[in-house]
C-alpha atoms as a PDB file:
ATOM      1  CA  MET A   1      36.035 -27.789 -54.952  1.00  0.00           C
ATOM      2  CA  ASP A   2      35.353 -25.611 -57.994  1.00  0.00           C
ATOM      3  CA  ILE A   3      32.668 -25.185 -60.632  1.00  0.00           C
ATOM      4  CA  THR A   4      34.473 -27.372 -63.175  1.00  0.00           C
ATOM      5  CA  GLN A   5      34.573 -30.236 -60.686  1.00  0.00           C
ATOM      6  CA  LEU A   6      30.908 -29.837 -59.772  1.00  0.00           C
ATOM      7  CA  ARG A   7      29.896 -29.701 -63.423  1.00  0.00           C
ATOM      8  CA  ALA A   8      31.831 -32.924 -64.127  1.00  0.00           C
ATOM      9  CA  PHE A   9      30.380 -34.585 -61.019  1.00  0.00           C
ATOM     10  CA  LEU A  10      26.811 -33.765 -62.066  1.00  0.00           C
ATOM     11  CA  ALA A  11      27.371 -35.014 -65.608  1.00  0.00           C
ATOM     12  CA  VAL A  12      28.680 -38.379 -64.368  1.00  0.00           C
ATOM     13  CA  ALA A  13      26.024 -38.594 -61.615  1.00  0.00           C
ATOM     14  CA  GLU A  14      23.195 -38.003 -64.071  1.00  0.00           C
ATOM     15  CA  GLU A  15      24.580 -40.144 -66.888  1.00  0.00           C
ATOM     16  CA  LEU A  16      26.125 -42.859 -64.630  1.00  0.00           C
ATOM     17  CA  HIS A  17      28.571 -43.375 -67.481  1.00  0.00           C
ATOM     18  CA  PHE A  18      31.950 -41.662 -67.874  1.00  0.00           C
ATOM     19  CA  ARG A  19      32.022 -41.704 -71.677  1.00  0.00           C
ATOM     20  CA  ARG A  20      28.527 -40.230 -72.041  1.00  0.00           C
ATOM     21  CA  ALA A  21      29.353 -37.647 -69.368  1.00  0.00           C
ATOM     22  CA  ALA A  22      32.475 -36.654 -71.305  1.00  0.00           C
ATOM     23  CA  GLU A  23      30.453 -36.302 -74.528  1.00  0.00           C
ATOM     24  CA  ARG A  24      27.918 -34.145 -72.697  1.00  0.00           C
ATOM     25  CA  LEU A  25      30.730 -31.906 -71.451  1.00  0.00           C
ATOM     26  CA  HIS A  26      32.404 -31.853 -74.893  1.00  0.00           C
ATOM     27  CA  MET A  27      35.545 -33.307 -73.335  1.00  0.00           C
ATOM     28  CA  ALA A  28      37.658 -36.410 -73.678  1.00  0.00           C
ATOM     29  CA  GLN A  29      36.979 -39.089 -71.078  1.00  0.00           C
ATOM     30  CA  PRO A  30      40.393 -39.086 -69.312  1.00  0.00           C
ATOM     31  CA  PRO A  31      40.142 -35.425 -68.129  1.00  0.00           C
ATOM     32  CA  VAL A  32      36.670 -36.152 -66.727  1.00  0.00           C
ATOM     33  CA  THR A  33      37.997 -39.163 -64.849  1.00  0.00           C
ATOM     34  CA  ARG A  34      40.918 -37.107 -63.470  1.00  0.00           C
ATOM     35  CA  THR A  35      38.564 -34.311 -62.394  1.00  0.00           C
ATOM     36  CA  ILE A  36      36.364 -36.744 -60.454  1.00  0.00           C
ATOM     37  CA  LYS A  37      39.389 -38.349 -58.785  1.00  0.00           C
ATOM     38  CA  LEU A  38      40.693 -34.915 -57.766  1.00  0.00           C
ATOM     39  CA  LEU A  39      37.315 -33.975 -56.318  1.00  0.00           C
ATOM     40  CA  GLU A  40      37.157 -37.221 -54.355  1.00  0.00           C
ATOM     41  CA  ARG A  41      40.675 -36.598 -53.049  1.00  0.00           C
ATOM     42  CA  GLU A  42      39.756 -33.088 -51.923  1.00  0.00           C
ATOM     43  CA  LEU A  43      36.595 -34.329 -50.202  1.00  0.00           C
ATOM     44  CA  GLY A  44      38.330 -37.327 -48.699  1.00  0.00           C
ATOM     45  CA  THR A  45      35.587 -39.709 -49.826  1.00  0.00           C
ATOM     46  CA  THR A  46      34.492 -41.815 -52.791  1.00  0.00           C
ATOM     47  CA  LEU A  47      31.610 -40.410 -54.808  1.00  0.00           C
ATOM     48  CA  PHE A  48      31.119 -43.277 -57.268  1.00  0.00           C
ATOM     49  CA  ASP A  49      31.291 -47.058 -57.124  1.00  0.00           C
ATOM     50  CA  ARG A  50      32.639 -47.964 -60.528  1.00  0.00           C
ATOM     51  CA  ASN A  51      33.842 -51.032 -62.337  1.00  0.00           C
ATOM     52  CA  THR A  52      34.174 -52.044 -65.966  1.00  0.00           C
ATOM     53  CA  ARG A  53      30.450 -52.585 -66.286  1.00  0.00           C
ATOM     54  CA  SER A  54      28.672 -49.936 -64.225  1.00  0.00           C
ATOM     55  CA  VAL A  55      28.878 -46.638 -62.340  1.00  0.00           C
ATOM     56  CA  ALA A  56      26.768 -45.930 -59.233  1.00  0.00           C
ATOM     57  CA  LEU A  57      26.628 -43.137 -56.695  1.00  0.00           C
ATOM     58  CA  THR A  58      27.914 -43.851 -53.212  1.00  0.00           C
ATOM     59  CA  PRO A  59      26.034 -42.462 -50.178  1.00  0.00           C
ATOM     60  CA  ALA A  60      28.478 -39.518 -50.230  1.00  0.00           C
ATOM     61  CA  GLY A  61      27.763 -39.006 -53.934  1.00  0.00           C
ATOM     62  CA  ARG A  62      24.011 -39.026 -53.356  1.00  0.00           C
ATOM     63  CA  ALA A  63      24.459 -36.516 -50.515  1.00  0.00           C
ATOM     64  CA  LEU A  64      26.423 -34.173 -52.803  1.00  0.00           C
ATOM     65  CA  LEU A  65      23.963 -34.394 -55.715  1.00  0.00           C
ATOM     66  CA  GLU A  66      21.319 -31.815 -54.640  1.00  0.00           C
ATOM     67  CA  PRO A  67      23.773 -29.280 -53.141  1.00  0.00           C
ATOM     68  CA  ALA A  68      25.760 -29.471 -56.388  1.00  0.00           C
ATOM     69  CA  ARG A  69      22.617 -28.816 -58.401  1.00  0.00           C
ATOM     70  CA  GLU A  70      21.767 -25.860 -56.159  1.00  0.00           C
ATOM     71  CA  VAL A  71      25.234 -24.383 -56.686  1.00  0.00           C
ATOM     72  CA  MET A  72      24.940 -24.723 -60.461  1.00  0.00           C
ATOM     73  CA  GLU A  73      21.454 -23.179 -60.427  1.00  0.00           C
ATOM     74  CA  ALA A  74      22.755 -20.277 -58.330  1.00  0.00           C
ATOM     75  CA  LEU A  75      25.574 -19.835 -60.830  1.00  0.00           C
ATOM     76  CA  ARG A  76      23.056 -19.815 -63.694  1.00  0.00           C
ATOM     77  CA  ARG A  77      20.957 -17.182 -61.937  1.00  0.00           C
ATOM     78  CA  ALA A  78      24.016 -15.046 -61.160  1.00  0.00           C
ATOM     79  CA  THR A  79      25.171 -15.236 -64.766  1.00  0.00           C
ATOM     80  CA  GLU A  80      21.726 -14.348 -66.083  1.00  0.00           C
ATOM     81  CA  ALA A  81      21.421 -11.465 -63.603  1.00  0.00           C
ATOM     82  CA  ALA A  82      24.723  -9.999 -64.798  1.00  0.00           C
ATOM     83  CA  ARG A  83      23.777 -10.412 -68.450  1.00  0.00           C
ATOM     84  CA  SER A  84      20.315  -8.936 -67.838  1.00  0.00           C
ATOM     85  CA  ALA A  85      21.895  -5.912 -66.167  1.00  0.00           C
ATOM     86  CA  GLU A  86      24.221  -5.455 -69.123  1.00  0.00           C
ATOM     87  CA  ARG A  87      21.238  -5.610 -71.483  1.00  0.00           C
ATOM     88  CA  GLY A  88      19.380  -3.021 -69.412  1.00  0.00           C
ATOM     89  CA  GLU A  89      16.730  -5.519 -68.335  1.00  0.00           C
ATOM     90  CA  VAL A  90      17.278  -5.077 -64.598  1.00  0.00           C
ATOM     91  CA  GLY A  91      18.456  -2.277 -62.330  1.00  0.00           C
ATOM     92  CA  LEU A  92      17.333   0.758 -60.354  1.00  0.00           C
ATOM     93  CA  VAL A  93      16.646   4.007 -62.211  1.00  0.00           C
ATOM     94  CA  ARG A  94      15.957   7.153 -60.182  1.00  0.00           C
ATOM     95  CA  ILE A  95      13.808   9.863 -61.787  1.00  0.00           C
ATOM     96  CA  ALA A  96      13.329  13.361 -60.344  1.00  0.00           C
ATOM     97  CA  PHE A  97      10.564  15.429 -61.932  1.00  0.00           C
ATOM     98  CA  ALA A  98       9.027  18.833 -61.344  1.00  0.00           C
ATOM     99  CA  GLY A  99       5.691  20.375 -62.228  1.00  0.00           C
ATOM    100  CA  VAL A 100       2.149  19.054 -62.161  1.00  0.00           C
ATOM    101  CA  SER A 101       2.145  18.781 -65.950  1.00  0.00           C
ATOM    102  CA  THR A 102       4.882  16.114 -65.800  1.00  0.00           C
ATOM    103  CA  HIS A 103       2.745  13.715 -63.742  1.00  0.00           C
ATOM    104  CA  PRO A 104       0.797  12.138 -66.663  1.00  0.00           C
ATOM    105  CA  LEU A 105       4.028  11.569 -68.598  1.00  0.00           C
ATOM    106  CA  VAL A 106       5.772  10.024 -65.593  1.00  0.00           C
ATOM    107  CA  ALA A 107       2.796   7.738 -64.989  1.00  0.00           C
ATOM    108  CA  THR A 108       2.770   6.629 -68.638  1.00  0.00           C
ATOM    109  CA  LEU A 109       6.525   6.038 -68.554  1.00  0.00           C
ATOM    110  CA  ALA A 110       6.223   3.955 -65.375  1.00  0.00           C
ATOM    111  CA  ARG A 111       3.532   1.767 -66.963  1.00  0.00           C
ATOM    112  CA  HIS A 112       5.606   1.134 -70.078  1.00  0.00           C
ATOM    113  CA  VAL A 113       8.746   0.337 -68.087  1.00  0.00           C
ATOM    114  CA  ARG A 114       6.771  -2.026 -65.891  1.00  0.00           C
ATOM    115  CA  SER A 115       5.334  -3.893 -68.877  1.00  0.00           C
ATOM    116  CA  GLY A 116       8.359  -3.780 -71.182  1.00  0.00           C
ATOM    117  CA  ARG A 117      11.225  -3.978 -68.671  1.00  0.00           C
ATOM    118  CA  PRO A 118       9.760  -5.551 -65.512  1.00  0.00           C
ATOM    119  CA  GLY A 119      13.225  -6.109 -64.061  1.00  0.00           C
ATOM    120  CA  ILE A 120      13.862  -2.345 -63.865  1.00  0.00           C
ATOM    121  CA  GLU A 121      12.759  -0.633 -60.659  1.00  0.00           C
ATOM    122  CA  LEU A 122      11.859   3.057 -60.881  1.00  0.00           C
ATOM    123  CA  GLU A 123      12.417   5.356 -57.909  1.00  0.00           C
ATOM    124  CA  LEU A 124      10.272   8.449 -58.513  1.00  0.00           C
ATOM    125  CA  SER A 125      10.890  11.748 -56.749  1.00  0.00           C
ATOM    126  CA  SER A 126       8.580  14.743 -57.226  1.00  0.00           C
ATOM    127  CA  GLN A 127      10.270  18.136 -56.793  1.00  0.00           C
ATOM    128  CA  ASN A 128       8.625  21.504 -56.171  1.00  0.00           C
ATOM    129  CA  PHE A 129      10.932  23.223 -58.648  1.00  0.00           C
ATOM    130  CA  ALA A 130      12.810  22.070 -61.746  1.00  0.00           C
ATOM    131  CA  LEU A 131      16.059  23.507 -60.395  1.00  0.00           C
ATOM    132  CA  SER A 132      15.992  20.949 -57.585  1.00  0.00           C
ATOM    133  CA  ALA A 133      15.645  18.112 -60.094  1.00  0.00           C
ATOM    134  CA  ILE A 134      18.632  19.225 -62.180  1.00  0.00           C
ATOM    135  CA  GLN A 135      20.715  19.796 -59.036  1.00  0.00           C
ATOM    136  CA  LYS A 136      19.971  16.245 -57.862  1.00  0.00           C
ATOM    137  CA  LEU A 137      21.105  15.009 -61.265  1.00  0.00           C
ATOM    138  CA  ALA A 138      24.356  16.972 -61.123  1.00  0.00           C
ATOM    139  CA  LYS A 139      25.024  15.625 -57.607  1.00  0.00           C
ATOM    140  CA  ARG A 140      24.402  12.048 -58.803  1.00  0.00           C
ATOM    141  CA  GLU A 141      21.397  11.739 -56.505  1.00  0.00           C
ATOM    142  CA  THR A 142      19.146  10.845 -59.444  1.00  0.00           C
ATOM    143  CA  ASP A 143      19.660   9.360 -62.909  1.00  0.00           C
ATOM    144  CA  ILE A 144      17.092  11.214 -65.036  1.00  0.00           C
ATOM    145  CA  ALA A 145      15.513  14.625 -64.451  1.00  0.00           C
ATOM    146  CA  LEU A 146      12.358  16.018 -66.027  1.00  0.00           C
ATOM    147  CA  GLY A 147      11.731  19.734 -65.935  1.00  0.00           C
ATOM    148  CA  ARG A 148      11.993  23.102 -67.625  1.00  0.00           C
ATOM    149  CA  TRP A 149      15.358  24.848 -67.601  1.00  0.00           C
ATOM    150  CA  ASP A 150      16.783  27.727 -69.568  1.00  0.00           C
ATOM    151  CA  VAL A 151      20.294  26.286 -69.098  1.00  0.00           C
ATOM    152  CA  VAL A 152      21.648  22.954 -67.897  1.00  0.00           C
ATOM    153  CA  PRO A 153      24.998  22.360 -66.137  1.00  0.00           C
ATOM    154  CA  GLN A 154      28.074  21.248 -68.048  1.00  0.00           C
ATOM    155  CA  GLY A 155      28.162  17.499 -68.563  1.00  0.00           C
ATOM    156  CA  ILE A 156      24.370  17.185 -68.608  1.00  0.00           C
ATOM    157  CA  GLY A 157      22.582  16.106 -71.775  1.00  0.00           C
ATOM    158  CA  ALA A 158      19.013  17.272 -72.374  1.00  0.00           C
ATOM    159  CA  GLN A 159      16.279  16.624 -74.905  1.00  0.00           C
ATOM    160  CA  VAL A 160      12.818  18.143 -75.376  1.00  0.00           C
ATOM    161  CA  VAL A 161      10.210  15.478 -74.629  1.00  0.00           C
ATOM    162  CA  MET A 162       7.096  17.672 -74.667  1.00  0.00           C
ATOM    163  CA  THR A 163       6.563  21.027 -76.347  1.00  0.00           C
ATOM    164  CA  ASP A 164       4.655  23.622 -74.352  1.00  0.00           C
ATOM    165  CA  SER A 165       3.562  27.243 -74.367  1.00  0.00           C
ATOM    166  CA  LEU A 166       2.451  30.016 -72.020  1.00  0.00           C
ATOM    167  CA  VAL A 167      -1.209  30.590 -71.229  1.00  0.00           C
ATOM    168  CA  LEU A 168      -3.041  32.852 -68.814  1.00  0.00           C
ATOM    169  CA  ALA A 169      -5.434  31.190 -66.383  1.00  0.00           C
ATOM    170  CA  VAL A 170      -8.391  33.459 -65.661  1.00  0.00           C
ATOM    171  CA  PRO A 171     -11.711  33.025 -63.812  1.00  0.00           C
ATOM    172  CA  ALA A 172     -14.577  32.033 -66.120  1.00  0.00           C
ATOM    173  CA  THR A 173     -16.169  35.413 -65.320  1.00  0.00           C
ATOM    174  CA  HIS A 174     -13.069  37.377 -66.360  1.00  0.00           C
ATOM    175  CA  ARG A 175     -13.269  39.871 -69.221  1.00  0.00           C
ATOM    176  CA  LEU A 176     -10.612  37.892 -71.154  1.00  0.00           C
ATOM    177  CA  ALA A 177     -12.263  34.487 -70.764  1.00  0.00           C
ATOM    178  CA  GLY A 178     -12.868  32.992 -74.200  1.00  0.00           C
ATOM    179  CA  HIS A 179     -10.434  35.297 -76.022  1.00  0.00           C
ATOM    180  CA  ALA A 180      -8.276  33.701 -78.721  1.00  0.00           C
ATOM    181  CA  GLU A 181      -5.114  35.167 -77.173  1.00  0.00           C
ATOM    182  CA  VAL A 182      -3.926  37.848 -74.809  1.00  0.00           C
ATOM    183  CA  GLY A 183      -1.170  40.427 -75.096  1.00  0.00           C
ATOM    184  CA  PHE A 184       0.571  41.311 -71.859  1.00  0.00           C
ATOM    185  CA  ALA A 185      -0.071  44.998 -72.357  1.00  0.00           C
ATOM    186  CA  GLU A 186      -3.729  44.205 -71.595  1.00  0.00           C
ATOM    187  CA  LEU A 187      -2.807  42.901 -68.134  1.00  0.00           C
ATOM    188  CA  GLU A 188      -1.484  46.066 -66.524  1.00  0.00           C
ATOM    189  CA  GLY A 189      -3.483  46.569 -63.353  1.00  0.00           C
ATOM    190  CA  GLU A 190      -4.652  42.940 -63.199  1.00  0.00           C
ATOM    191  CA  ARG A 191      -4.210  41.027 -59.938  1.00  0.00           C
ATOM    192  CA  PHE A 192      -2.023  37.961 -60.226  1.00  0.00           C
ATOM    193  CA  VAL A 193      -1.753  34.702 -58.316  1.00  0.00           C
ATOM    194  CA  SER A 194       1.926  33.825 -58.388  1.00  0.00           C
ATOM    195  CA  LEU A 195       4.095  30.881 -57.470  1.00  0.00           C
ATOM    196  CA  PRO A 196       6.846  31.546 -54.882  1.00  0.00           C
ATOM    197  CA  VAL A 197       9.869  33.460 -56.092  1.00  0.00           C
ATOM    198  CA  HIS A 198      12.494  30.762 -56.578  1.00  0.00           C
ATOM    199  CA  GLU A 199      15.799  30.666 -58.429  1.00  0.00           C
ATOM    200  CA  GLY A 200      15.330  28.932 -61.760  1.00  0.00           C
ATOM    201  CA  SER A 201      11.530  29.154 -61.746  1.00  0.00           C
ATOM    202  CA  VAL A 202      10.598  29.458 -65.413  1.00  0.00           C
ATOM    203  CA  LEU A 203       7.081  30.832 -64.854  1.00  0.00           C
ATOM    204  CA  ILE A 204       8.243  33.492 -62.384  1.00  0.00           C
ATOM    205  CA  ASP A 205      10.947  34.500 -64.859  1.00  0.00           C
ATOM    206  CA  ARG A 206       8.491  34.732 -67.771  1.00  0.00           C
ATOM    207  CA  LEU A 207       5.972  36.762 -65.739  1.00  0.00           C
ATOM    208  CA  ARG A 208       8.703  39.211 -64.760  1.00  0.00           C
ATOM    209  CA  ARG A 209      10.048  39.507 -68.314  1.00  0.00           C
ATOM    210  CA  LEU A 210       6.656  39.991 -69.960  1.00  0.00           C
ATOM    211  CA  ALA A 211       5.558  42.595 -67.435  1.00  0.00           C
ATOM    212  CA  GLN A 212       8.919  44.370 -67.680  1.00  0.00           C
ATOM    213  CA  ALA A 213       8.639  44.460 -71.480  1.00  0.00           C
ATOM    214  CA  HIS A 214       5.388  46.411 -71.062  1.00  0.00           C
ATOM    215  CA  ARG A 215       6.740  48.579 -68.260  1.00  0.00           C
ATOM    216  CA  PHE A 216       4.592  47.478 -65.376  1.00  0.00           C
ATOM    217  CA  VAL A 217       5.085  45.513 -62.181  1.00  0.00           C
ATOM    218  CA  PRO A 218       2.634  42.627 -61.671  1.00  0.00           C
ATOM    219  CA  ASP A 219       0.209  43.214 -58.809  1.00  0.00           C
ATOM    220  CA  VAL A 220       0.548  39.932 -56.916  1.00  0.00           C
ATOM    221  CA  ALA A 221      -2.619  39.378 -54.893  1.00  0.00           C
ATOM    222  CA  GLN A 222      -1.465  36.079 -53.407  1.00  0.00           C
ATOM    223  CA  VAL A 223       1.482  33.663 -53.586  1.00  0.00           C
ATOM    224  CA  ALA A 224       0.474  29.999 -53.933  1.00  0.00           C
ATOM    225  CA  PRO A 225       2.802  27.152 -52.873  1.00  0.00           C
ATOM    226  CA  ASP A 226       2.152  25.132 -56.053  1.00  0.00           C
ATOM    227  CA  THR A 227       0.331  25.181 -59.386  1.00  0.00           C
ATOM    228  CA  GLN A 228      -2.756  23.321 -58.158  1.00  0.00           C
ATOM    229  CA  THR A 229      -3.264  25.828 -55.353  1.00  0.00           C
ATOM    230  CA  ALA A 230      -2.695  28.727 -57.745  1.00  0.00           C
ATOM    231  CA  LEU A 231      -5.426  27.445 -60.055  1.00  0.00           C
ATOM    232  CA  ALA A 232      -7.776  26.931 -57.125  1.00  0.00           C
ATOM    233  CA  LEU A 233      -7.257  30.598 -56.253  1.00  0.00           C
ATOM    234  CA  VAL A 234      -7.942  31.573 -59.870  1.00  0.00           C
ATOM    235  CA  SER A 235     -11.151  29.537 -59.669  1.00  0.00           C
ATOM    236  CA  ALA A 236     -12.045  31.499 -56.526  1.00  0.00           C
ATOM    237  CA  GLU A 237     -11.559  34.735 -58.543  1.00  0.00           C
ATOM    238  CA  VAL A 238      -8.601  35.928 -56.474  1.00  0.00           C
ATOM    239  CA  GLY A 239      -6.705  36.788 -59.643  1.00  0.00           C
ATOM    240  CA  CYS A 240      -5.245  35.428 -62.873  1.00  0.00           C
ATOM    241  CA  SER A 241      -2.114  33.282 -63.172  1.00  0.00           C
ATOM    242  CA  LEU A 242       0.537  32.683 -65.817  1.00  0.00           C
ATOM    243  CA  THR A 243       0.856  28.942 -66.428  1.00  0.00           C
ATOM    244  CA  LEU A 244       1.410  26.337 -69.154  1.00  0.00           C
ATOM    245  CA  ALA A 245      -0.741  24.854 -71.907  1.00  0.00           C
ATOM    246  CA  SER A 246       0.113  21.382 -70.580  1.00  0.00           C
ATOM    247  CA  VAL A 247      -1.346  22.366 -67.202  1.00  0.00           C
ATOM    248  CA  ALA A 248      -4.515  23.609 -68.902  1.00  0.00           C
ATOM    249  CA  ALA A 249      -4.867  20.276 -70.730  1.00  0.00           C
ATOM    250  CA  ASN A 250      -4.983  18.415 -67.422  1.00  0.00           C
ATOM    251  CA  LEU A 251      -7.349  20.673 -65.457  1.00  0.00           C
ATOM    252  CA  ASN A 252     -11.082  20.064 -65.349  1.00  0.00           C
ATOM    253  CA  ASP A 253     -12.577  23.095 -63.604  1.00  0.00           C
ATOM    254  CA  PRO A 254     -15.401  24.970 -65.341  1.00  0.00           C
ATOM    255  CA  HIS A 255     -14.587  28.074 -63.287  1.00  0.00           C
ATOM    256  CA  VAL A 256     -11.108  28.435 -64.855  1.00  0.00           C
ATOM    257  CA  MET A 257     -10.413  29.295 -68.472  1.00  0.00           C
ATOM    258  CA  PHE A 258      -7.092  29.540 -70.296  1.00  0.00           C
ATOM    259  CA  VAL A 259      -6.092  32.159 -72.835  1.00  0.00           C
ATOM    260  CA  PRO A 260      -2.904  31.666 -74.911  1.00  0.00           C
ATOM    261  CA  VAL A 261      -0.278  34.384 -74.529  1.00  0.00           C
ATOM    262  CA  ALA A 262       0.181  36.105 -77.882  1.00  0.00           C
ATOM    263  CA  ALA A 263       2.706  34.160 -79.932  1.00  0.00           C
ATOM    264  CA  ALA A 264       4.570  37.325 -80.931  1.00  0.00           C
ATOM    265  CA  GLU A 265       5.301  38.099 -77.278  1.00  0.00           C
ATOM    266  CA  ALA A 266       6.104  34.527 -76.225  1.00  0.00           C
ATOM    267  CA  GLY A 267       8.417  34.182 -79.224  1.00  0.00           C
ATOM    268  CA  ASP A 268      10.765  36.779 -77.745  1.00  0.00           C
ATOM    269  CA  LEU A 269      11.355  34.546 -74.699  1.00  0.00           C
ATOM    270  CA  PRO A 270      13.186  31.244 -74.189  1.00  0.00           C
ATOM    271  CA  ASP A 271      10.855  28.273 -74.678  1.00  0.00           C
ATOM    272  CA  VAL A 272       9.040  26.535 -71.830  1.00  0.00           C
ATOM    273  CA  HIS A 273       9.278  23.013 -73.240  1.00  0.00           C
ATOM    274  CA  LEU A 274       9.623  19.998 -70.941  1.00  0.00           C
ATOM    275  CA  ARG A 275      13.021  18.354 -71.159  1.00  0.00           C
ATOM    276  CA  ALA A 276      14.559  15.104 -69.994  1.00  0.00           C
ATOM    277  CA  ALA A 277      18.114  15.405 -68.719  1.00  0.00           C
ATOM    278  CA  TRP A 278      20.817  12.880 -67.875  1.00  0.00           C
ATOM    279  CA  ARG A 279      24.532  12.780 -67.057  1.00  0.00           C
ATOM    280  CA  GLN A 280      26.555  12.369 -70.238  1.00  0.00           C
ATOM    281  CA  ASP A 281      29.415  10.570 -68.487  1.00  0.00           C
ATOM    282  CA  GLU A 282      27.232   7.929 -66.840  1.00  0.00           C
ATOM    283  CA  GLN A 283      24.508   6.135 -68.741  1.00  0.00           C
ATOM    284  CA  GLY A 284      24.186   2.603 -67.385  1.00  0.00           C
ATOM    285  CA  PRO A 285      22.219   0.098 -69.484  1.00  0.00           C
ATOM    286  CA  ALA A 286      19.079   0.415 -67.325  1.00  0.00           C
ATOM    287  CA  VAL A 287      19.150   4.238 -67.515  1.00  0.00           C
ATOM    288  CA  ARG A 288      19.616   4.085 -71.270  1.00  0.00           C
ATOM    289  CA  ALA A 289      16.737   1.612 -71.572  1.00  0.00           C
ATOM    290  CA  VAL A 290      14.404   3.946 -69.659  1.00  0.00           C
ATOM    291  CA  LEU A 291      15.528   6.941 -71.732  1.00  0.00           C
ATOM    292  CA  ASP A 292      14.865   4.941 -74.898  1.00  0.00           C
ATOM    293  CA  ILE A 293      11.327   4.179 -73.703  1.00  0.00           C
ATOM    294  CA  LEU A 294      10.751   7.831 -72.735  1.00  0.00           C
ATOM    295  CA  LEU A 295      11.968   9.161 -76.066  1.00  0.00           C
ATOM    296  CA  GLU A 296       9.918   6.587 -77.963  1.00  0.00           C
ATOM    297  CA  LEU A 297       6.795   7.513 -75.976  1.00  0.00           C
ATOM    298  CA  THR A 298       7.211  11.207 -76.673  1.00  0.00           C
ATOM    299  CA  GLY A 299       8.422  10.891 -80.237  1.00  0.00           C
ATOM    300  CA  ALA A 300      11.459  12.968 -79.297  1.00  0.00           C
ATOM    301  CA  SER A 301      14.353  13.332 -81.706  1.00  0.00           C
ATOM    302  CA  LEU A 302      17.477  11.414 -80.786  1.00  0.00           C
ATOM    303  CA  ALA A 303      19.719  14.156 -82.201  1.00  0.00           C
ATOM    304  CA  GLU A 304      20.947  15.292 -78.791  1.00  0.00           C
ATOM    305  CA  TYR A 305      20.858  11.859 -77.151  1.00  0.00           C
END
């Protein structure tokens, strides 16, 4: 029994007329008749009582009717599932992201994927450091990475999805609170709250470079495990902390103020923009669909995509 036979059987069973069934199938009548006879031979039973005037289902034909319809419906669903996957309408897309400032973007992306591509499932994985996200991408353990990197591995494409800049978080009582900007030379002798020293950490790298450029070593009063804890310590007046403008935009604490790092100094360093990254040799339709939504949301240029 094959699909062609079942399709012919259903056409005859629903039309109860061989000529009309053949027209429905866009076939000549003799091939339809031969197909039904072959099916009956394979099943070892008669499916239709037929004479020159009428066609009727036998008990065996009636018994086959619903299972045949179920098979054809399953075939329709399987075909549609394959076509939907090819169109990027269904599939699993894994996203690894790092940094508290990425959370609003990831949440917005998830909402838009859910409403625009409900057949795509997102698997979200928050990483402590951006290096972990890009490593997962290179190892094929995720499909899209969001983070800040000075370099990306060979074979990885990347695109800026959110511009950013360096700011200094200070207690509201600090002498620099409310200043239009701060030069790093003014920070010699200040106590800093730092994130853990970690390979690939952009903020640790920028703190080291800026301090080195002004010939001092930052006095680290305390190391915080993450950005939220670091800002809580700034609020408690433990020290100041180098962070990002995007972090400042998402913090609501009257005891913490943010002062932009002087543009002239920040301009000498690599940028701190948020990037989306993906494997260039493997962009399935669902991954491409999610990237399209992300780039549309952020207004990112497609030049590198």
